[in-house]
Amino acid sequence: QVQLVESGGGWVQPGGSLELSCVASGTLLSTYDVAWYRQIPGKERDMVAFIPRWGNNIHSAKGRFPVSRDNAKNAVYLRMDNLKPDDTGTYYCNAVSGTNSYWGQGAQVTVSS
């Protein structure tokens, strides 16, 4: 069974940093496109970051939230620096390959003073 397990969420003050992880089991995450989404209750999920299959952090080096892979750990990471209150929400990783789509359980990120 394919599972994506997220961790790394929490509360930070504006300007703080968090790193979310998405660790897969049951499949090789390196063969999947992985997107990170932010969701507010009652709203559509918004994509905030993306890394293609076989991609590494070079692909998102100029993005606000870089995405990286550690294939040895079967994991993808979202590095969030200089966080703002508008970044608050539940973050989900989504791995897609062909018709297969898997979601993490979500990680809560709260940015407030």
C-alpha atoms as a PDB file:
ATOM      1  CA  GLN A   1       0.000   0.000   0.000  1.00  0.00           C
ATOM      2  CA  VAL A   2       1.295   3.439  -0.912  1.00  0.00           C
ATOM      3  CA  GLN A   3       1.394   5.977   1.894  1.00  0.00           C
ATOM      4  CA  LEU A   4       2.733   9.498   2.230  1.00  0.00           C
ATOM      5  CA  VAL A   5       3.518  10.611   5.769  1.00  0.00           C
ATOM      6  CA  GLU A   6       4.052  14.300   6.470  1.00  0.00           C
ATOM      7  CA  SER A   7       5.796  15.934   9.386  1.00  0.00           C
ATOM      8  CA  GLY A   8       7.453  19.207  10.340  1.00  0.00           C
ATOM      9  CA  GLY A   9       4.492  21.524  10.817  1.00  0.00           C
ATOM     10  CA  GLY A  10       3.973  23.779  13.791  1.00  0.00           C
ATOM     11  CA  TRP A  11       3.654  27.363  14.985  1.00  0.00           C
ATOM     12  CA  VAL A  12       6.135  30.100  14.169  1.00  0.00           C
ATOM     13  CA  GLN A  13       6.239  33.870  14.408  1.00  0.00           C
ATOM     14  CA  PRO A  14       6.359  35.913  11.207  1.00  0.00           C
ATOM     15  CA  GLY A  15       9.802  35.643   9.688  1.00  0.00           C
ATOM     16  CA  GLY A  16      10.358  32.182  11.100  1.00  0.00           C
ATOM     17  CA  SER A  17      11.114  28.977   9.243  1.00  0.00           C
ATOM     18  CA  LEU A  18       9.775  25.452   8.972  1.00  0.00           C
ATOM     19  CA  GLU A  19      10.678  22.453   6.856  1.00  0.00           C
ATOM     20  CA  LEU A  20       7.968  19.992   5.927  1.00  0.00           C
ATOM     21  CA  SER A  21       8.786  16.448   4.964  1.00  0.00           C
ATOM     22  CA  CYS A  22       6.835  13.956   2.877  1.00  0.00           C
ATOM     23  CA  VAL A  23       8.069  10.389   3.225  1.00  0.00           C
ATOM     24  CA  ALA A  24       6.688   7.655   0.984  1.00  0.00           C
ATOM     25  CA  SER A  25       6.299   3.949   1.545  1.00  0.00           C
ATOM     26  CA  GLY A  26       5.156   1.318  -0.916  1.00  0.00           C
ATOM     27  CA  THR A  27       6.564   3.094  -3.972  1.00  0.00           C
ATOM     28  CA  LEU A  28       9.580   5.034  -5.195  1.00  0.00           C
ATOM     29  CA  LEU A  29       8.859   8.711  -4.731  1.00  0.00           C
ATOM     30  CA  SER A  30      11.637   9.610  -7.151  1.00  0.00           C
ATOM     31  CA  THR A  31       9.395   8.462 -10.020  1.00  0.00           C
ATOM     32  CA  TYR A  32       6.557  10.830  -9.036  1.00  0.00           C
ATOM     33  CA  ASP A  33       5.872  14.481  -9.634  1.00  0.00           C
ATOM     34  CA  VAL A  34       5.308  15.995  -6.193  1.00  0.00           C
ATOM     35  CA  ALA A  35       3.334  19.141  -5.472  1.00  0.00           C
ATOM     36  CA  TRP A  36       2.744  20.904  -2.169  1.00  0.00           C
ATOM     37  CA  TYR A  37      -0.677  22.434  -1.523  1.00  0.00           C
ATOM     38  CA  ARG A  38      -1.978  24.800   1.100  1.00  0.00           C
ATOM     39  CA  GLN A  39      -5.615  24.511   2.178  1.00  0.00           C
ATOM     40  CA  ILE A  40      -7.886  26.703   4.258  1.00  0.00           C
ATOM     41  CA  PRO A  41     -11.128  25.054   5.464  1.00  0.00           C
ATOM     42  CA  GLY A  42     -13.908  25.514   2.914  1.00  0.00           C
ATOM     43  CA  LYS A  43     -11.517  26.641   0.184  1.00  0.00           C
ATOM     44  CA  GLU A  44      -9.834  24.941  -2.744  1.00  0.00           C
ATOM     45  CA  ARG A  45      -6.303  23.761  -2.248  1.00  0.00           C
ATOM     46  CA  ASP A  46      -3.690  26.062  -3.752  1.00  0.00           C
ATOM     47  CA  MET A  47      -0.432  24.730  -5.104  1.00  0.00           C
ATOM     48  CA  VAL A  48       2.545  26.425  -3.483  1.00  0.00           C
ATOM     49  CA  ALA A  49       5.464  24.392  -4.803  1.00  0.00           C
ATOM     50  CA  PHE A  50       6.317  21.664  -7.278  1.00  0.00           C
ATOM     51  CA  ILE A  51       9.146  19.335  -8.184  1.00  0.00           C
ATOM     52  CA  PRO A  52       9.078  17.033 -11.211  1.00  0.00           C
ATOM     53  CA  ARG A  53       9.887  13.356 -11.151  1.00  0.00           C
ATOM     54  CA  TRP A  54      13.629  12.816 -10.859  1.00  0.00           C
ATOM     55  CA  GLY A  55      14.039  16.511 -10.135  1.00  0.00           C
ATOM     56  CA  ASN A  56      16.104  18.003  -7.343  1.00  0.00           C
ATOM     57  CA  ASN A  57      16.249  21.308  -5.482  1.00  0.00           C
ATOM     58  CA  ILE A  58      17.870  23.016  -8.462  1.00  0.00           C
ATOM     59  CA  HIS A  59      14.453  23.122 -10.140  1.00  0.00           C
ATOM     60  CA  SER A  60      13.010  25.330  -7.395  1.00  0.00           C
ATOM     61  CA  ALA A  61      16.097  27.323  -6.497  1.00  0.00           C
ATOM     62  CA  LYS A  62      14.424  30.621  -7.458  1.00  0.00           C
ATOM     63  CA  GLY A  63      11.091  29.826  -5.834  1.00  0.00           C
ATOM     64  CA  ARG A  64       9.970  31.209  -2.498  1.00  0.00           C
ATOM     65  CA  PHE A  65       9.658  27.708  -1.016  1.00  0.00           C
ATOM     66  CA  PRO A  66      12.296  25.406  -2.474  1.00  0.00           C
ATOM     67  CA  VAL A  67      11.512  21.721  -2.857  1.00  0.00           C
ATOM     68  CA  SER A  68      14.187  19.078  -2.572  1.00  0.00           C
ATOM     69  CA  ARG A  69      14.463  15.305  -2.672  1.00  0.00           C
ATOM     70  CA  ASP A  70      16.403  12.736  -0.738  1.00  0.00           C
ATOM     71  CA  ASN A  71      15.896   9.599  -2.757  1.00  0.00           C
ATOM     72  CA  ALA A  72      17.842   7.489  -0.274  1.00  0.00           C
ATOM     73  CA  LYS A  73      15.164   8.365   2.289  1.00  0.00           C
ATOM     74  CA  ASN A  74      12.328   8.223  -0.259  1.00  0.00           C
ATOM     75  CA  ALA A  75      11.379  11.735   0.803  1.00  0.00           C
ATOM     76  CA  VAL A  76      10.543  15.182  -0.514  1.00  0.00           C
ATOM     77  CA  TYR A  77      10.946  18.365   1.525  1.00  0.00           C
ATOM     78  CA  LEU A  78       9.429  21.829   1.449  1.00  0.00           C
ATOM     79  CA  ARG A  79      11.676  24.511   2.946  1.00  0.00           C
ATOM     80  CA  MET A  80       9.687  27.498   4.193  1.00  0.00           C
ATOM     81  CA  ASP A  81      11.686  30.558   5.217  1.00  0.00           C
ATOM     82  CA  ASN A  82      10.543  34.074   6.088  1.00  0.00           C
ATOM     83  CA  LEU A  83       7.037  32.865   6.797  1.00  0.00           C
ATOM     84  CA  LYS A  84       4.116  35.281   6.751  1.00  0.00           C
ATOM     85  CA  PRO A  85       0.676  35.098   8.390  1.00  0.00           C
ATOM     86  CA  ASP A  86      -0.845  34.454   4.945  1.00  0.00           C
ATOM     87  CA  ASP A  87       1.159  31.232   4.788  1.00  0.00           C
ATOM     88  CA  THR A  88      -1.007  29.759   7.551  1.00  0.00           C
ATOM     89  CA  GLY A  89      -2.904  26.639   6.546  1.00  0.00           C
ATOM     90  CA  THR A  90      -2.760  22.892   6.235  1.00  0.00           C
ATOM     91  CA  TYR A  91      -0.098  21.696   3.836  1.00  0.00           C
ATOM     92  CA  TYR A  92      -0.428  18.510   1.828  1.00  0.00           C
ATOM     93  CA  CYS A  93       2.033  16.733  -0.388  1.00  0.00           C
ATOM     94  CA  ASN A  94       0.618  15.126  -3.514  1.00  0.00           C
ATOM     95  CA  ALA A  95       2.533  12.569  -5.564  1.00  0.00           C
ATOM     96  CA  VAL A  96       1.348  11.894  -9.110  1.00  0.00           C
ATOM     97  CA  SER A  97       2.449   9.437 -11.754  1.00  0.00           C
ATOM     98  CA  GLY A  98       0.129   8.748 -14.688  1.00  0.00           C
ATOM     99  CA  THR A  99      -3.303   8.002 -13.239  1.00  0.00           C
ATOM    100  CA  ASN A 100      -1.938   7.386  -9.751  1.00  0.00           C
ATOM    101  CA  SER A 101      -2.313  10.154  -7.188  1.00  0.00           C
ATOM    102  CA  TYR A 102      -1.473   9.942  -3.495  1.00  0.00           C
ATOM    103  CA  TRP A 103      -1.860  12.474  -0.702  1.00  0.00           C
ATOM    104  CA  GLY A 104      -0.186  13.026   2.607  1.00  0.00           C
ATOM    105  CA  GLN A 105      -2.275  13.429   5.740  1.00  0.00           C
ATOM    106  CA  GLY A 106      -1.564  17.140   6.028  1.00  0.00           C
ATOM    107  CA  ALA A 107       0.663  19.267   8.224  1.00  0.00           C
ATOM    108  CA  GLN A 108      -0.638  22.324  10.056  1.00  0.00           C
ATOM    109  CA  VAL A 109       1.380  25.505   9.699  1.00  0.00           C
ATOM    110  CA  THR A 110       0.430  28.515  11.797  1.00  0.00           C
ATOM    111  CA  VAL A 111       2.227  31.831  11.419  1.00  0.00           C
ATOM    112  CA  SER A 112       1.211  34.486  13.926  1.00  0.00           C
ATOM    113  CA  SER A 113       2.530  36.898  16.510  1.00  0.00           C
END
